[in-house]
N, C-alpha and C. Protein backbone atom coordinates (compact mmCIF):
# COMPACT_ATOMS: atom_id res chain seq x y z
N UNK A 1 102.90 123.69 123.70
CA UNK A 1 102.04 122.68 122.58
C UNK A 1 100.84 123.15 121.91
N UNK A 2 99.64 124.22 122.09
CA UNK A 2 97.98 124.12 121.49
C UNK A 2 97.88 123.21 120.91
N UNK A 3 96.49 123.30 120.85
CA UNK A 3 96.08 121.86 120.05
C UNK A 3 94.23 122.82 119.23
N UNK A 4 94.95 123.99 119.24
CA UNK A 4 94.48 124.89 118.39
C UNK A 4 94.95 124.52 116.83
N UNK A 5 93.53 124.58 115.57
CA UNK A 5 94.00 124.31 114.88
C UNK A 5 95.74 125.36 113.78
N UNK A 6 96.21 125.46 113.19
CA UNK A 6 96.86 126.59 112.95
C UNK A 6 96.53 126.21 111.18
N UNK A 7 97.27 127.16 110.84
CA UNK A 7 97.58 127.47 109.49
C UNK A 7 98.51 127.81 109.17
N UNK A 8 98.96 127.68 107.49
CA UNK A 8 99.99 127.58 107.56
C UNK A 8 100.65 128.69 106.03
N UNK A 9 101.37 129.30 106.38
CA UNK A 9 101.23 130.00 104.95
C UNK A 9 102.90 129.73 104.67
N UNK A 10 103.40 130.02 103.36
CA UNK A 10 105.02 129.55 102.71
C UNK A 10 105.14 131.03 102.13
N UNK A 11 105.85 131.08 101.79
CA UNK A 11 106.76 132.74 100.76
C UNK A 11 108.30 132.80 100.78
N UNK A 12 108.58 132.38 99.46
CA UNK A 12 110.48 132.56 99.61
C UNK A 12 110.79 133.94 98.94
N UNK A 13 111.77 134.79 99.80
CA UNK A 13 112.28 135.68 99.34
C UNK A 13 113.79 135.82 98.94
N UNK A 14 114.87 136.71 98.33
CA UNK A 14 115.48 136.87 97.76
C UNK A 14 116.83 137.31 99.05
N UNK A 15 117.34 135.92 98.80
CA UNK A 15 118.55 136.52 100.04
C UNK A 15 119.78 137.57 99.75
N UNK A 16 120.14 137.49 98.32
CA UNK A 16 121.50 138.51 98.20
C UNK A 16 120.85 139.32 98.08
N UNK A 17 119.28 140.46 98.24
CA UNK A 17 118.86 141.69 97.99
C UNK A 17 119.56 142.32 99.57
N UNK A 18 119.94 143.78 99.81
CA UNK A 18 119.78 144.76 100.79
C UNK A 18 118.87 144.97 101.28
N UNK A 19 117.21 144.69 100.36
CA UNK A 19 116.58 145.82 100.51
C UNK A 19 115.09 144.81 100.05
N UNK A 20 115.27 143.97 101.03
CA UNK A 20 113.94 142.81 101.55
C UNK A 20 113.33 143.75 101.15
N UNK A 21 111.22 144.06 100.07
CA UNK A 21 110.58 144.71 100.38
C UNK A 21 109.74 143.86 100.50
N UNK A 22 109.34 142.53 99.93
CA UNK A 22 108.50 141.36 99.36
C UNK A 22 109.39 140.07 98.76
N UNK A 23 108.44 139.03 99.30
CA UNK A 23 108.18 138.33 98.73
C UNK A 23 108.29 138.06 97.25
N UNK A 24 109.33 136.93 97.27
CA UNK A 24 109.20 136.83 95.59
C UNK A 24 107.51 135.25 94.77
N UNK A 25 107.87 134.77 96.09
CA UNK A 25 106.48 133.71 95.48
C UNK A 25 105.41 133.90 97.58
N UNK A 26 104.31 133.92 97.54
CA UNK A 26 103.71 133.53 98.57
C UNK A 26 102.89 133.05 98.67
N UNK A 27 102.03 131.12 99.17
CA UNK A 27 100.61 131.22 99.73
C UNK A 27 99.65 132.05 99.14
N UNK A 28 98.89 131.80 98.36
CA UNK A 28 97.97 133.00 97.67
C UNK A 28 96.54 132.09 98.80
N UNK A 29 97.24 131.46 99.37
CA UNK A 29 95.80 130.05 100.35
C UNK A 29 96.91 129.34 101.39
N UNK A 30 96.22 129.83 102.59
CA UNK A 30 96.91 129.23 104.27
C UNK A 30 96.32 127.84 103.15
N UNK A 31 97.77 127.07 104.41
CA UNK A 31 97.43 125.55 104.52
C UNK A 31 97.06 125.09 105.69
N UNK A 32 95.87 124.17 106.09
CA UNK A 32 96.02 123.70 106.72
C UNK A 32 96.84 122.86 107.67
N UNK A 33 97.10 122.28 106.32
CA UNK A 33 99.02 121.57 107.06
C UNK A 33 100.12 122.26 106.50
N UNK A 34 101.53 121.89 107.61
CA UNK A 34 102.96 121.76 107.29
C UNK A 34 103.29 121.35 105.87
N UNK A 35 102.75 120.27 105.83
CA UNK A 35 103.45 119.65 105.12
C UNK A 35 103.14 119.60 103.36
N UNK A 36 101.80 120.73 103.50
CA UNK A 36 101.20 120.98 102.03
C UNK A 36 101.87 122.92 101.85
N UNK A 37 102.13 123.29 102.69
CA UNK A 37 103.60 124.47 102.63
C UNK A 37 104.52 124.51 101.85
N UNK A 38 105.44 122.90 102.58
CA UNK A 38 106.09 122.69 102.75
C UNK A 38 106.27 122.05 100.77
N UNK A 39 104.91 120.78 99.96
CA UNK A 39 104.89 120.53 98.84
C UNK A 39 105.31 122.35 98.25
N UNK A 40 103.97 123.38 98.43
CA UNK A 40 103.61 124.49 97.74
C UNK A 40 105.17 124.89 96.99
N UNK A 41 106.00 124.94 98.39
CA UNK A 41 107.94 125.75 98.06
C UNK A 41 108.10 124.49 97.36
N UNK A 42 108.21 123.52 97.25
CA UNK A 42 109.08 122.35 95.86
C UNK A 42 108.60 122.84 95.13
N UNK A 43 107.37 123.07 95.05
CA UNK A 43 107.09 123.66 93.55
C UNK A 43 106.82 124.74 93.27
N UNK A 44 107.41 125.86 94.43
CA UNK A 44 107.96 127.34 92.92
C UNK A 44 108.98 126.36 93.11
N UNK A 45 109.72 125.96 93.05
CA UNK A 45 111.63 125.70 93.36
C UNK A 45 111.92 124.87 91.99
N UNK A 46 110.76 123.91 91.66
CA UNK A 46 110.76 123.01 90.58
C UNK A 46 110.28 124.50 89.50
N UNK A 47 109.51 125.44 89.72
CA UNK A 47 109.51 125.80 88.62
C UNK A 47 110.25 126.76 88.27
N UNK A 48 111.03 127.40 89.11
CA UNK A 48 111.79 127.63 88.92
C UNK A 48 113.37 127.64 88.33
N UNK A 49 113.69 126.01 88.57
CA UNK A 49 114.35 125.71 88.54
C UNK A 49 115.98 125.43 89.38
N UNK A 50 115.46 125.83 90.94
CA UNK A 50 116.89 126.59 91.69
C UNK A 50 116.25 124.26 92.29
N UNK A 51 117.39 124.32 93.32
CA UNK A 51 118.25 123.59 93.97
C UNK A 51 117.18 123.38 94.71
N UNK A 52 117.90 121.91 95.20
CA UNK A 52 116.78 122.63 96.88
C UNK A 52 116.81 122.59 98.41
N UNK A 53 115.76 122.41 98.46
CA UNK A 53 116.06 124.41 100.05
C UNK A 53 116.62 122.91 101.11
N UNK A 54 117.38 123.62 102.56
CA UNK A 54 117.74 122.75 103.36
C UNK A 54 116.87 123.29 104.88
N UNK A 55 116.56 122.63 105.10
CA UNK A 55 115.32 123.32 106.10
C UNK A 55 115.67 122.89 107.13
N UNK A 56 114.93 123.92 108.21
CA UNK A 56 116.16 124.39 109.81
C UNK A 56 114.55 124.59 110.66
N UNK A 57 114.41 124.16 112.05
CA UNK A 57 113.46 124.67 112.47
C UNK A 57 113.38 126.31 112.66
N UNK A 58 113.39 126.89 112.87
CA UNK A 58 113.62 128.01 113.87
C UNK A 58 112.44 128.08 115.30
N UNK A 59 111.52 128.03 115.53
CA UNK A 59 110.45 127.32 116.18
C UNK A 59 109.49 127.11 116.29
N UNK A 60 108.42 127.00 117.42
CA UNK A 60 107.07 125.99 116.99
C UNK A 60 106.41 126.53 116.03
N UNK A 61 106.79 127.76 115.96
CA UNK A 61 105.77 127.83 114.89
C UNK A 61 106.16 128.25 112.90
N UNK A 62 107.41 128.51 112.98
CA UNK A 62 108.22 128.85 111.77
C UNK A 62 110.13 127.72 111.50
N UNK A 63 109.56 127.29 110.06
CA UNK A 63 110.40 127.01 109.84
C UNK A 63 111.49 127.34 108.81
N UNK A 64 113.11 127.17 108.42
CA UNK A 64 113.27 128.33 107.22
C UNK A 64 113.72 127.92 106.64
N UNK A 65 113.58 127.45 104.89
CA UNK A 65 114.96 126.93 103.95
C UNK A 65 115.92 127.62 103.31
N UNK A 66 117.10 127.33 102.93
CA UNK A 66 118.16 127.87 102.22
C UNK A 66 118.33 127.22 101.09
N UNK A 67 118.69 128.09 100.49
CA UNK A 67 118.94 127.64 99.03
C UNK A 67 120.11 128.66 98.57
N UNK A 68 120.94 128.93 97.84
CA UNK A 68 121.22 129.39 96.70
C UNK A 68 120.44 131.27 96.70
N UNK A 69 120.67 131.79 96.70
CA UNK A 69 120.04 133.05 96.13
C UNK A 69 119.35 133.72 97.35
N UNK A 70 118.18 132.67 97.64
CA UNK A 70 116.92 133.23 98.27
C UNK A 70 117.05 131.85 99.81
N UNK A 71 115.25 132.34 99.85
CA UNK A 71 115.45 131.68 101.51
C UNK A 71 114.10 131.21 101.80
N UNK A 72 113.91 130.19 102.33
CA UNK A 72 111.65 130.17 102.24
C UNK A 72 111.26 130.52 103.70
N UNK A 73 110.13 130.54 103.85
CA UNK A 73 109.93 130.94 105.69
C UNK A 73 108.23 129.67 105.20
N UNK A 74 107.82 128.80 105.84
CA UNK A 74 107.28 128.51 106.29
C UNK A 74 106.91 128.34 107.70
N UNK A 75 105.42 129.66 108.10
CA UNK A 75 104.84 130.02 109.04
C UNK A 75 103.49 129.55 109.55
N UNK A 76 103.66 129.69 110.90
CA UNK A 76 102.58 129.24 111.25
C UNK A 76 101.46 129.77 111.38
N UNK A 77 100.30 129.93 111.43
CA UNK A 77 99.82 131.30 112.46
C UNK A 77 98.52 129.96 112.60
N UNK A 78 97.13 130.90 114.27
CA UNK A 78 96.09 130.27 114.57
C UNK A 78 95.22 131.02 114.12
N UNK A 79 93.92 130.83 113.90
CA UNK A 79 92.65 130.97 113.43
C UNK A 79 92.08 132.20 115.29
N UNK A 80 91.57 133.10 114.29
CA UNK A 80 91.34 133.63 115.82
C UNK A 80 90.32 133.64 116.87
N UNK A 81 90.17 133.96 117.93
CA UNK A 81 89.31 132.94 119.41
C UNK A 81 87.37 133.91 118.88
N UNK A 82 87.55 133.48 119.01
CA UNK A 82 85.67 133.47 118.95
C UNK A 82 84.90 134.65 119.91
N UNK A 83 84.93 135.83 120.18
CA UNK A 83 84.22 136.12 120.73
C UNK A 83 82.77 136.59 121.36
């Protein structure tokens, strides 16, 4: 684990499609906190009138959310190091 600040991005994809070309929804602005990215996904699902998501930890940098017909991804990134 590192003490470097992480940024979080939220995305929702269609799970039933054979060809996943891109996210149905994606953060327009990155989040400083994982909880804020998670709230963004939950807000989208409310707008889309979808069931609540079941979250699984994929690794230290990624959460996967599953719900009927869709899956959500919370992914984190580090800022570039100064050169």
